Amino acid sequence: MRAAGRKDVLTTGDVARICRVAPRTVSKWFDTGKLRGYRIPGSRDRRIPLQQLVAFMRAHGIPLDGLDQGCCRVMILAGDLPPGLLEAVEGSDRYDVRTARNGFEAGMLAQSFRPHVVVVELGDDDEDEAVCVCRNIKDAAELEAATVLVAAADLDNGCEQRLLSLGFDGCLRKPLTVAGLMSAVEAATNLIT
């Protein structure tokens, strides 16, 4: 995967992913002169040189770890993924997707991968592991910015409200689809296609 942090010149979308803010926020920083860059001639598109972004991040106390991987990091904890789901997502330079098969793998991966979004599959028989993974991610200081979504088969209003009350940030309907997953990830991170 290419990382946006390795480019010499970044788009507002790249900067938004690196700084973990909405693209509108980056545009505001640019338009008020807080973040230096330039406009593409003949368009409204903004470009920010990497050096200017690093200086801005240091001046405003924004952690520089996002520069290592400017793409959105997504971790999926699921027993069975639909065929072709990972292949479709991995073809994009916007996402770095990793999978775990159980709660232990998810914990180990989350510590090293530091995902922006975590998708946890709710098992048919047992939701304890999914809830435990969610709580562990929410309790880890280095993962505080992560959004934790749960994928469940039978989502009615009562079930969705109960899952949200257990700490999940949002719900997805199983079976997962590429469009449904990407839509949820983009909504969770305020990405704009």
N, C-alpha and C. Protein backbone atom coordinates (compact mmCIF):
# COMPACT_ATOMS: atom_id res chain seq x y z
N MET A 1 0.84 -1.20 0.00
CA MET A 1 0.00 0.00 0.00
C MET A 1 0.88 1.25 0.00
N ARG A 2 0.52 2.19 -0.78
CA ARG A 2 1.19 3.48 -0.72
C ARG A 2 0.64 4.25 0.45
N ALA A 3 1.49 5.00 1.11
CA ALA A 3 1.03 5.83 2.21
C ALA A 3 1.05 7.27 1.78
N ALA A 4 -0.02 7.99 2.10
CA ALA A 4 -0.10 9.40 1.70
C ALA A 4 1.01 10.20 2.35
N GLY A 5 1.49 9.77 3.53
CA GLY A 5 2.54 10.48 4.24
C GLY A 5 3.86 10.47 3.51
N ARG A 6 4.02 9.62 2.50
CA ARG A 6 5.28 9.54 1.77
C ARG A 6 5.30 10.43 0.54
N LYS A 7 4.22 11.09 0.24
CA LYS A 7 4.17 12.01 -0.89
C LYS A 7 4.84 13.32 -0.49
N ASP A 8 5.35 14.04 -1.48
CA ASP A 8 5.93 15.35 -1.21
C ASP A 8 4.87 16.43 -1.11
N VAL A 9 3.76 16.25 -1.81
CA VAL A 9 2.66 17.21 -1.82
C VAL A 9 1.37 16.44 -1.54
N LEU A 10 0.55 16.97 -0.63
CA LEU A 10 -0.65 16.26 -0.18
C LEU A 10 -1.92 17.01 -0.55
N THR A 11 -2.99 16.26 -0.73
CA THR A 11 -4.31 16.85 -0.92
C THR A 11 -4.93 17.12 0.45
N THR A 12 -6.04 17.86 0.47
CA THR A 12 -6.72 18.09 1.76
C THR A 12 -7.25 16.77 2.32
N GLY A 13 -7.64 15.84 1.46
CA GLY A 13 -8.08 14.53 1.92
C GLY A 13 -6.96 13.75 2.58
N ASP A 14 -5.76 13.82 1.99
CA ASP A 14 -4.59 13.16 2.60
C ASP A 14 -4.33 13.74 3.99
N VAL A 15 -4.33 15.07 4.08
CA VAL A 15 -4.06 15.74 5.35
C VAL A 15 -5.13 15.38 6.39
N ALA A 16 -6.38 15.31 5.94
CA ALA A 16 -7.47 14.96 6.86
C ALA A 16 -7.26 13.58 7.44
N ARG A 17 -6.87 12.61 6.61
CA ARG A 17 -6.63 11.26 7.11
C ARG A 17 -5.44 11.22 8.05
N ILE A 18 -4.38 11.94 7.72
CA ILE A 18 -3.18 11.94 8.56
C ILE A 18 -3.46 12.58 9.91
N CYS A 19 -4.20 13.69 9.92
CA CYS A 19 -4.48 14.42 11.16
C CYS A 19 -5.75 13.92 11.86
N ARG A 20 -6.47 13.02 11.20
CA ARG A 20 -7.70 12.44 11.76
C ARG A 20 -8.75 13.51 12.04
N VAL A 21 -8.97 14.33 11.02
CA VAL A 21 -10.01 15.37 11.10
C VAL A 21 -10.82 15.32 9.81
N ALA A 22 -11.90 16.06 9.78
CA ALA A 22 -12.72 16.15 8.57
C ALA A 22 -12.01 17.01 7.52
N PRO A 23 -12.20 16.71 6.24
CA PRO A 23 -11.58 17.52 5.18
C PRO A 23 -11.97 18.99 5.27
N ARG A 24 -13.18 19.28 5.74
CA ARG A 24 -13.61 20.68 5.90
C ARG A 24 -12.69 21.42 6.89
N THR A 25 -12.24 20.70 7.92
CA THR A 25 -11.34 21.31 8.90
C THR A 25 -10.02 21.69 8.24
N VAL A 26 -9.50 20.82 7.40
CA VAL A 26 -8.24 21.11 6.70
C VAL A 26 -8.42 22.32 5.79
N SER A 27 -9.54 22.39 5.09
CA SER A 27 -9.82 23.53 4.22
C SER A 27 -9.86 24.83 5.03
N LYS A 28 -10.44 24.77 6.22
CA LYS A 28 -10.50 25.95 7.08
C LYS A 28 -9.09 26.37 7.52
N TRP A 29 -8.27 25.39 7.91
CA TRP A 29 -6.89 25.70 8.29
C TRP A 29 -6.17 26.38 7.13
N PHE A 30 -6.37 25.86 5.93
CA PHE A 30 -5.72 26.40 4.74
C PHE A 30 -6.23 27.81 4.45
N ASP A 31 -7.55 27.99 4.45
CA ASP A 31 -8.14 29.28 4.08
C ASP A 31 -7.83 30.38 5.09
N THR A 32 -7.61 30.03 6.36
CA THR A 32 -7.27 31.04 7.37
C THR A 32 -5.77 31.28 7.47
N GLY A 33 -4.97 30.54 6.67
CA GLY A 33 -3.53 30.75 6.65
C GLY A 33 -2.77 29.99 7.73
N LYS A 34 -3.45 29.17 8.51
CA LYS A 34 -2.76 28.39 9.55
C LYS A 34 -1.90 27.29 8.93
N LEU A 35 -2.40 26.71 7.84
CA LEU A 35 -1.69 25.65 7.14
C LEU A 35 -1.32 26.18 5.76
N ARG A 36 -0.03 26.24 5.48
CA ARG A 36 0.44 26.83 4.22
C ARG A 36 0.43 25.81 3.09
N GLY A 37 0.10 26.32 1.91
CA GLY A 37 0.08 25.50 0.72
C GLY A 37 -0.25 26.36 -0.47
N TYR A 38 -0.81 25.76 -1.49
CA TYR A 38 -1.17 26.51 -2.69
C TYR A 38 -2.39 25.90 -3.34
N ARG A 39 -3.01 26.67 -4.21
CA ARG A 39 -4.15 26.18 -5.00
C ARG A 39 -3.65 25.78 -6.39
N ILE A 40 -4.27 24.76 -6.93
CA ILE A 40 -3.97 24.36 -8.30
C ILE A 40 -4.54 25.45 -9.22
N PRO A 41 -3.73 26.01 -10.13
CA PRO A 41 -4.23 27.07 -11.02
C PRO A 41 -5.46 26.61 -11.80
N GLY A 42 -6.47 27.47 -11.82
CA GLY A 42 -7.69 27.19 -12.55
C GLY A 42 -8.66 26.28 -11.82
N SER A 43 -8.37 25.97 -10.55
CA SER A 43 -9.30 25.13 -9.79
C SER A 43 -9.30 25.59 -8.33
N ARG A 44 -10.20 25.00 -7.57
CA ARG A 44 -10.27 25.34 -6.14
C ARG A 44 -9.49 24.34 -5.30
N ASP A 45 -8.86 23.35 -5.95
CA ASP A 45 -8.13 22.30 -5.23
C ASP A 45 -6.92 22.88 -4.52
N ARG A 46 -6.73 22.41 -3.30
CA ARG A 46 -5.61 22.87 -2.49
C ARG A 46 -4.55 21.78 -2.41
N ARG A 47 -3.29 22.18 -2.30
CA ARG A 47 -2.18 21.24 -2.13
C ARG A 47 -1.31 21.74 -0.98
N ILE A 48 -0.86 20.81 -0.16
CA ILE A 48 -0.05 21.16 1.01
C ILE A 48 1.28 20.40 0.91
N PRO A 49 2.40 21.12 0.84
CA PRO A 49 3.70 20.45 0.85
C PRO A 49 3.91 19.71 2.18
N LEU A 50 4.52 18.55 2.11
CA LEU A 50 4.74 17.72 3.30
C LEU A 50 5.47 18.49 4.40
N GLN A 51 6.48 19.28 4.03
CA GLN A 51 7.23 20.04 5.03
C GLN A 51 6.33 21.02 5.78
N GLN A 52 5.39 21.65 5.07
CA GLN A 52 4.47 22.59 5.71
C GLN A 52 3.54 21.84 6.68
N LEU A 53 3.10 20.66 6.28
CA LEU A 53 2.23 19.88 7.16
C LEU A 53 2.97 19.47 8.44
N VAL A 54 4.20 19.02 8.30
CA VAL A 54 4.97 18.61 9.48
C VAL A 54 5.16 19.80 10.43
N ALA A 55 5.48 20.96 9.89
CA ALA A 55 5.64 22.15 10.73
C ALA A 55 4.33 22.50 11.43
N PHE A 56 3.22 22.42 10.71
CA PHE A 56 1.90 22.71 11.28
C PHE A 56 1.57 21.72 12.39
N MET A 57 1.82 20.42 12.15
CA MET A 57 1.51 19.40 13.15
C MET A 57 2.33 19.61 14.42
N ARG A 58 3.60 19.94 14.26
CA ARG A 58 4.45 20.18 15.43
C ARG A 58 3.98 21.41 16.20
N ALA A 59 3.64 22.47 15.48
CA ALA A 59 3.21 23.71 16.12
C ALA A 59 1.90 23.55 16.88
N HIS A 60 1.05 22.61 16.44
CA HIS A 60 -0.26 22.44 17.06
C HIS A 60 -0.38 21.17 17.89
N GLY A 61 0.75 20.51 18.15
CA GLY A 61 0.74 19.33 19.01
C GLY A 61 0.02 18.13 18.43
N ILE A 62 -0.06 18.02 17.12
CA ILE A 62 -0.70 16.87 16.48
C ILE A 62 0.35 15.78 16.34
N PRO A 63 0.07 14.56 16.82
CA PRO A 63 1.06 13.48 16.74
C PRO A 63 1.47 13.21 15.29
N LEU A 64 2.76 12.99 15.10
CA LEU A 64 3.31 12.78 13.77
C LEU A 64 3.19 11.33 13.30
N ASP A 65 2.66 10.45 14.15
CA ASP A 65 2.58 9.05 13.77
C ASP A 65 1.69 8.82 12.56
N GLY A 66 0.75 9.70 12.30
CA GLY A 66 -0.13 9.56 11.14
C GLY A 66 0.61 9.72 9.82
N LEU A 67 1.79 10.33 9.84
CA LEU A 67 2.57 10.51 8.62
C LEU A 67 3.08 9.18 8.08
N ASP A 68 3.27 8.21 8.96
CA ASP A 68 3.77 6.92 8.51
C ASP A 68 2.79 6.22 7.60
N GLN A 69 1.50 6.36 7.89
CA GLN A 69 0.49 5.74 7.06
C GLN A 69 -0.67 6.69 6.91
N GLY A 70 -0.66 7.46 5.86
CA GLY A 70 -1.71 8.42 5.64
C GLY A 70 -3.01 7.79 5.17
N CYS A 71 -2.95 6.50 4.78
CA CYS A 71 -4.19 5.84 4.38
C CYS A 71 -4.94 5.41 5.63
N CYS A 72 -6.20 5.16 5.47
CA CYS A 72 -7.06 4.77 6.58
C CYS A 72 -6.80 3.31 6.93
N ARG A 73 -6.44 3.07 8.19
CA ARG A 73 -6.16 1.71 8.66
C ARG A 73 -7.44 1.09 9.22
N VAL A 74 -7.83 -0.04 8.65
CA VAL A 74 -9.05 -0.73 9.04
C VAL A 74 -8.69 -2.14 9.50
N MET A 75 -9.16 -2.50 10.70
CA MET A 75 -8.97 -3.87 11.20
C MET A 75 -10.33 -4.54 11.26
N ILE A 76 -10.39 -5.75 10.73
CA ILE A 76 -11.64 -6.51 10.73
C ILE A 76 -11.44 -7.79 11.53
N LEU A 77 -12.27 -7.98 12.54
CA LEU A 77 -12.28 -9.21 13.32
C LEU A 77 -13.51 -9.99 12.88
N ALA A 78 -13.27 -11.02 12.08
CA ALA A 78 -14.40 -11.79 11.54
C ALA A 78 -13.97 -13.22 11.28
N GLY A 79 -14.89 -14.14 11.49
CA GLY A 79 -14.62 -15.54 11.20
C GLY A 79 -14.59 -15.80 9.71
N ASP A 80 -15.63 -15.39 9.02
CA ASP A 80 -15.73 -15.60 7.57
C ASP A 80 -16.04 -14.28 6.89
N LEU A 81 -15.17 -13.89 5.98
CA LEU A 81 -15.42 -12.69 5.19
C LEU A 81 -15.96 -13.10 3.84
N PRO A 82 -16.87 -12.32 3.28
CA PRO A 82 -17.39 -12.65 1.95
C PRO A 82 -16.26 -12.73 0.93
N PRO A 83 -16.34 -13.68 -0.01
CA PRO A 83 -15.30 -13.80 -1.03
C PRO A 83 -15.12 -12.49 -1.79
N GLY A 84 -13.86 -12.11 -1.98
CA GLY A 84 -13.56 -10.92 -2.76
C GLY A 84 -13.57 -9.62 -1.98
N LEU A 85 -14.02 -9.64 -0.72
CA LEU A 85 -14.10 -8.39 0.05
C LEU A 85 -12.72 -7.76 0.24
N LEU A 86 -11.78 -8.53 0.74
CA LEU A 86 -10.44 -7.98 0.98
C LEU A 86 -9.75 -7.58 -0.31
N GLU A 87 -9.89 -8.40 -1.34
CA GLU A 87 -9.24 -8.09 -2.61
C GLU A 87 -9.75 -6.76 -3.17
N ALA A 88 -11.05 -6.52 -3.06
CA ALA A 88 -11.63 -5.27 -3.58
C ALA A 88 -11.12 -4.06 -2.82
N VAL A 89 -10.98 -4.19 -1.50
CA VAL A 89 -10.54 -3.07 -0.66
C VAL A 89 -9.04 -2.84 -0.82
N GLU A 90 -8.28 -3.92 -0.91
CA GLU A 90 -6.82 -3.79 -1.00
C GLU A 90 -6.36 -3.17 -2.30
N GLY A 91 -7.23 -3.13 -3.32
CA GLY A 91 -6.87 -2.50 -4.59
C GLY A 91 -6.80 -0.98 -4.49
N SER A 92 -7.25 -0.41 -3.39
CA SER A 92 -7.27 1.04 -3.22
C SER A 92 -6.08 1.48 -2.38
N ASP A 93 -5.52 2.65 -2.71
CA ASP A 93 -4.44 3.18 -1.87
C ASP A 93 -4.98 4.00 -0.71
N ARG A 94 -6.30 4.04 -0.55
CA ARG A 94 -6.92 4.80 0.54
C ARG A 94 -7.03 3.99 1.82
N TYR A 95 -6.94 2.65 1.70
CA TYR A 95 -7.17 1.80 2.86
C TYR A 95 -6.05 0.79 3.03
N ASP A 96 -5.71 0.54 4.28
CA ASP A 96 -4.82 -0.55 4.64
C ASP A 96 -5.67 -1.42 5.55
N VAL A 97 -6.02 -2.62 5.10
CA VAL A 97 -6.93 -3.49 5.83
C VAL A 97 -6.19 -4.70 6.34
N ARG A 98 -6.37 -5.00 7.61
CA ARG A 98 -5.81 -6.20 8.24
C ARG A 98 -6.94 -6.96 8.90
N THR A 99 -6.77 -8.27 9.00
CA THR A 99 -7.82 -9.09 9.61
C THR A 99 -7.27 -9.88 10.79
N ALA A 100 -8.18 -10.19 11.70
CA ALA A 100 -7.88 -11.05 12.85
C ALA A 100 -9.00 -12.07 12.94
N ARG A 101 -8.66 -13.27 13.42
CA ARG A 101 -9.66 -14.32 13.50
C ARG A 101 -10.28 -14.48 14.88
N ASN A 102 -9.61 -13.93 15.91
CA ASN A 102 -10.14 -14.06 17.27
C ASN A 102 -9.73 -12.85 18.10
N GLY A 103 -10.23 -12.79 19.31
CA GLY A 103 -9.97 -11.64 20.17
C GLY A 103 -8.51 -11.46 20.51
N PHE A 104 -7.78 -12.56 20.69
CA PHE A 104 -6.36 -12.47 21.01
C PHE A 104 -5.60 -11.84 19.84
N GLU A 105 -5.83 -12.37 18.63
CA GLU A 105 -5.18 -11.79 17.44
C GLU A 105 -5.55 -10.32 17.28
N ALA A 106 -6.82 -10.00 17.54
CA ALA A 106 -7.27 -8.61 17.40
C ALA A 106 -6.53 -7.69 18.36
N GLY A 107 -6.33 -8.14 19.59
CA GLY A 107 -5.61 -7.32 20.57
C GLY A 107 -4.16 -7.08 20.17
N MET A 108 -3.50 -8.15 19.73
CA MET A 108 -2.10 -8.03 19.30
C MET A 108 -1.98 -7.11 18.08
N LEU A 109 -2.87 -7.31 17.11
CA LEU A 109 -2.83 -6.51 15.89
C LEU A 109 -3.15 -5.05 16.17
N ALA A 110 -4.13 -4.80 17.02
CA ALA A 110 -4.52 -3.41 17.33
C ALA A 110 -3.37 -2.63 17.93
N GLN A 111 -2.56 -3.26 18.77
CA GLN A 111 -1.44 -2.57 19.40
C GLN A 111 -0.37 -2.15 18.39
N SER A 112 -0.11 -2.99 17.41
CA SER A 112 0.94 -2.66 16.44
C SER A 112 0.41 -1.88 15.24
N PHE A 113 -0.80 -2.17 14.81
CA PHE A 113 -1.37 -1.59 13.60
C PHE A 113 -2.03 -0.23 13.86
N ARG A 114 -2.54 -0.03 15.06
CA ARG A 114 -3.21 1.20 15.47
C ARG A 114 -4.28 1.63 14.47
N PRO A 115 -5.33 0.82 14.33
CA PRO A 115 -6.35 1.10 13.32
C PRO A 115 -7.15 2.36 13.61
N HIS A 116 -7.63 2.98 12.53
CA HIS A 116 -8.56 4.10 12.66
C HIS A 116 -9.97 3.57 12.88
N VAL A 117 -10.29 2.47 12.20
CA VAL A 117 -11.62 1.85 12.29
C VAL A 117 -11.45 0.36 12.55
N VAL A 118 -12.25 -0.15 13.49
CA VAL A 118 -12.27 -1.58 13.80
C VAL A 118 -13.68 -2.08 13.53
N VAL A 119 -13.78 -3.16 12.76
CA VAL A 119 -15.06 -3.80 12.51
C VAL A 119 -15.03 -5.16 13.18
N VAL A 120 -15.96 -5.38 14.12
CA VAL A 120 -16.01 -6.62 14.89
C VAL A 120 -17.28 -7.37 14.50
N GLU A 121 -17.11 -8.61 14.06
CA GLU A 121 -18.26 -9.43 13.70
C GLU A 121 -18.88 -10.00 14.98
N LEU A 122 -20.18 -9.85 15.07
CA LEU A 122 -20.90 -10.41 16.21
C LEU A 122 -21.26 -11.84 15.87
N GLY A 123 -20.72 -12.78 16.68
CA GLY A 123 -20.99 -14.19 16.43
C GLY A 123 -22.44 -14.53 16.68
N ASP A 124 -22.91 -15.61 16.05
CA ASP A 124 -24.30 -16.02 16.20
C ASP A 124 -24.60 -16.46 17.63
N ASP A 125 -23.66 -17.11 18.28
CA ASP A 125 -23.91 -17.68 19.60
C ASP A 125 -23.45 -16.78 20.75
N ASP A 126 -22.35 -16.07 20.53
CA ASP A 126 -21.68 -15.43 21.65
C ASP A 126 -21.24 -14.02 21.29
N GLU A 127 -21.71 -13.04 22.03
CA GLU A 127 -21.29 -11.67 21.77
C GLU A 127 -20.23 -11.19 22.75
N ASP A 128 -19.87 -12.06 23.71
CA ASP A 128 -18.91 -11.66 24.74
C ASP A 128 -17.56 -11.25 24.15
N GLU A 129 -17.05 -12.02 23.18
CA GLU A 129 -15.75 -11.70 22.60
C GLU A 129 -15.80 -10.34 21.89
N ALA A 130 -16.87 -10.09 21.15
CA ALA A 130 -17.00 -8.82 20.42
C ALA A 130 -17.03 -7.64 21.41
N VAL A 131 -17.80 -7.79 22.48
CA VAL A 131 -17.89 -6.72 23.49
C VAL A 131 -16.55 -6.53 24.19
N CYS A 132 -15.86 -7.64 24.47
CA CYS A 132 -14.55 -7.56 25.13
C CYS A 132 -13.54 -6.83 24.24
N VAL A 133 -13.51 -7.15 22.95
CA VAL A 133 -12.60 -6.47 22.02
C VAL A 133 -12.92 -4.98 21.99
N CYS A 134 -14.20 -4.65 21.91
CA CYS A 134 -14.61 -3.24 21.88
C CYS A 134 -14.12 -2.51 23.13
N ARG A 135 -14.35 -3.08 24.29
CA ARG A 135 -13.94 -2.44 25.56
C ARG A 135 -12.43 -2.29 25.65
N ASN A 136 -11.70 -3.32 25.24
CA ASN A 136 -10.24 -3.25 25.29
C ASN A 136 -9.70 -2.14 24.39
N ILE A 137 -10.29 -1.99 23.21
CA ILE A 137 -9.85 -0.92 22.31
C ILE A 137 -10.20 0.44 22.90
N LYS A 138 -11.40 0.57 23.43
CA LYS A 138 -11.83 1.84 24.03
C LYS A 138 -10.98 2.22 25.24
N ASP A 139 -10.48 1.21 25.97
CA ASP A 139 -9.70 1.47 27.18
C ASP A 139 -8.23 1.76 26.89
N ALA A 140 -7.75 1.45 25.70
CA ALA A 140 -6.34 1.66 25.35
C ALA A 140 -6.12 3.11 24.92
N ALA A 141 -5.28 3.81 25.65
CA ALA A 141 -5.04 5.24 25.37
C ALA A 141 -4.54 5.47 23.95
N GLU A 142 -3.67 4.58 23.44
CA GLU A 142 -3.12 4.78 22.10
C GLU A 142 -4.13 4.48 21.00
N LEU A 143 -5.28 3.93 21.36
CA LEU A 143 -6.32 3.62 20.36
C LEU A 143 -7.56 4.49 20.56
N GLU A 144 -7.44 5.55 21.34
CA GLU A 144 -8.60 6.36 21.69
C GLU A 144 -9.32 6.98 20.49
N ALA A 145 -8.61 7.17 19.39
CA ALA A 145 -9.24 7.77 18.21
C ALA A 145 -9.94 6.73 17.33
N ALA A 146 -9.79 5.44 17.65
CA ALA A 146 -10.38 4.39 16.82
C ALA A 146 -11.90 4.37 16.96
N THR A 147 -12.56 4.12 15.85
CA THR A 147 -14.01 3.93 15.82
C THR A 147 -14.26 2.43 15.75
N VAL A 148 -15.11 1.92 16.64
CA VAL A 148 -15.39 0.49 16.68
C VAL A 148 -16.81 0.24 16.19
N LEU A 149 -16.91 -0.49 15.08
CA LEU A 149 -18.21 -0.84 14.50
C LEU A 149 -18.47 -2.32 14.71
N VAL A 150 -19.72 -2.69 14.85
CA VAL A 150 -20.07 -4.09 15.01
C VAL A 150 -20.90 -4.53 13.82
N ALA A 151 -20.62 -5.73 13.31
CA ALA A 151 -21.38 -6.31 12.20
C ALA A 151 -22.27 -7.41 12.76
N ALA A 152 -23.57 -7.28 12.59
CA ALA A 152 -24.53 -8.24 13.14
C ALA A 152 -25.55 -8.61 12.08
N ALA A 153 -26.07 -9.84 12.18
CA ALA A 153 -27.02 -10.33 11.17
C ALA A 153 -28.41 -9.75 11.36
N ASP A 154 -28.94 -9.80 12.56
CA ASP A 154 -30.31 -9.34 12.81
C ASP A 154 -30.27 -8.01 13.53
N LEU A 155 -30.35 -6.93 12.76
CA LEU A 155 -30.29 -5.59 13.35
C LEU A 155 -31.66 -4.93 13.31
N ASP A 156 -32.38 -5.01 14.39
CA ASP A 156 -33.58 -4.21 14.50
C ASP A 156 -33.24 -3.05 15.43
N ASN A 157 -34.15 -2.12 15.62
CA ASN A 157 -33.85 -0.93 16.43
C ASN A 157 -33.42 -1.29 17.85
N GLY A 158 -34.09 -2.28 18.45
CA GLY A 158 -33.74 -2.68 19.81
C GLY A 158 -32.35 -3.25 19.90
N CYS A 159 -31.99 -4.10 18.94
CA CYS A 159 -30.66 -4.72 18.92
C CYS A 159 -29.59 -3.66 18.69
N GLU A 160 -29.84 -2.76 17.76
CA GLU A 160 -28.86 -1.71 17.46
C GLU A 160 -28.64 -0.81 18.68
N GLN A 161 -29.70 -0.42 19.34
CA GLN A 161 -29.57 0.43 20.54
C GLN A 161 -28.81 -0.29 21.65
N ARG A 162 -29.07 -1.59 21.81
CA ARG A 162 -28.37 -2.37 22.84
C ARG A 162 -26.87 -2.43 22.53
N LEU A 163 -26.52 -2.67 21.26
CA LEU A 163 -25.11 -2.73 20.88
C LEU A 163 -24.41 -1.38 21.07
N LEU A 164 -25.09 -0.31 20.73
CA LEU A 164 -24.52 1.03 20.94
C LEU A 164 -24.32 1.29 22.43
N SER A 165 -25.23 0.81 23.25
CA SER A 165 -25.10 1.01 24.71
C SER A 165 -23.95 0.18 25.28
N LEU A 166 -23.53 -0.87 24.57
CA LEU A 166 -22.40 -1.69 25.02
C LEU A 166 -21.05 -1.05 24.66
N GLY A 167 -21.07 0.05 23.90
CA GLY A 167 -19.84 0.78 23.60
C GLY A 167 -19.47 0.87 22.14
N PHE A 168 -20.17 0.14 21.27
CA PHE A 168 -19.85 0.22 19.85
C PHE A 168 -20.27 1.59 19.31
N ASP A 169 -19.52 2.09 18.31
CA ASP A 169 -19.80 3.41 17.73
C ASP A 169 -20.82 3.36 16.60
N GLY A 170 -21.04 2.18 16.05
CA GLY A 170 -22.00 2.04 14.96
C GLY A 170 -22.21 0.58 14.63
N CYS A 171 -23.22 0.31 13.81
CA CYS A 171 -23.59 -1.06 13.46
C CYS A 171 -23.64 -1.24 11.95
N LEU A 172 -23.24 -2.42 11.50
CA LEU A 172 -23.31 -2.81 10.09
C LEU A 172 -24.13 -4.09 10.00
N ARG A 173 -24.85 -4.22 8.91
CA ARG A 173 -25.65 -5.43 8.72
C ARG A 173 -24.80 -6.49 8.01
N LYS A 174 -24.84 -7.72 8.54
CA LYS A 174 -24.19 -8.85 7.89
C LYS A 174 -25.16 -9.44 6.88
N PRO A 175 -24.65 -10.01 5.80
CA PRO A 175 -23.24 -10.18 5.49
C PRO A 175 -22.61 -8.87 5.01
N LEU A 176 -21.34 -8.71 5.31
CA LEU A 176 -20.62 -7.51 4.90
C LEU A 176 -20.48 -7.47 3.38
N THR A 177 -20.62 -6.29 2.83
CA THR A 177 -20.36 -6.08 1.40
C THR A 177 -19.29 -5.00 1.28
N VAL A 178 -18.64 -4.96 0.15
CA VAL A 178 -17.61 -3.93 -0.07
C VAL A 178 -18.22 -2.54 0.06
N ALA A 179 -19.35 -2.32 -0.61
CA ALA A 179 -19.99 -0.99 -0.58
C ALA A 179 -20.42 -0.63 0.84
N GLY A 180 -21.02 -1.57 1.55
CA GLY A 180 -21.48 -1.30 2.91
C GLY A 180 -20.33 -1.02 3.85
N LEU A 181 -19.26 -1.81 3.72
CA LEU A 181 -18.09 -1.62 4.59
C LEU A 181 -17.42 -0.28 4.31
N MET A 182 -17.19 0.04 3.04
CA MET A 182 -16.52 1.30 2.70
C MET A 182 -17.36 2.51 3.08
N SER A 183 -18.65 2.41 2.90
CA SER A 183 -19.54 3.50 3.29
C SER A 183 -19.47 3.74 4.81
N ALA A 184 -19.45 2.67 5.57
CA ALA A 184 -19.36 2.80 7.04
C ALA A 184 -18.02 3.36 7.46
N VAL A 185 -16.95 2.90 6.82
CA VAL A 185 -15.60 3.39 7.16
C VAL A 185 -15.50 4.87 6.83
N GLU A 186 -15.99 5.27 5.66
CA GLU A 186 -15.90 6.68 5.27
C GLU A 186 -16.76 7.56 6.18
N ALA A 187 -17.92 7.06 6.58
CA ALA A 187 -18.76 7.83 7.49
C ALA A 187 -18.07 7.96 8.86
N ALA A 188 -17.40 6.90 9.29
CA ALA A 188 -16.74 6.91 10.60
C ALA A 188 -15.54 7.85 10.62
N THR A 189 -14.90 8.03 9.48
CA THR A 189 -13.68 8.85 9.45
C THR A 189 -13.86 10.15 8.69
N ASN A 190 -15.07 10.43 8.23
CA ASN A 190 -15.37 11.67 7.48
C ASN A 190 -14.53 11.81 6.23
N LEU A 191 -14.31 10.69 5.53
CA LEU A 191 -13.56 10.75 4.27
C LEU A 191 -14.49 11.15 3.15
N ILE A 192 -13.95 11.80 2.15
CA ILE A 192 -14.73 12.17 0.98
C ILE A 192 -14.11 11.51 -0.22
N THR A 193 -14.91 10.81 -0.99
CA THR A 193 -14.39 10.12 -2.17
C THR A 193 -14.02 11.12 -3.25
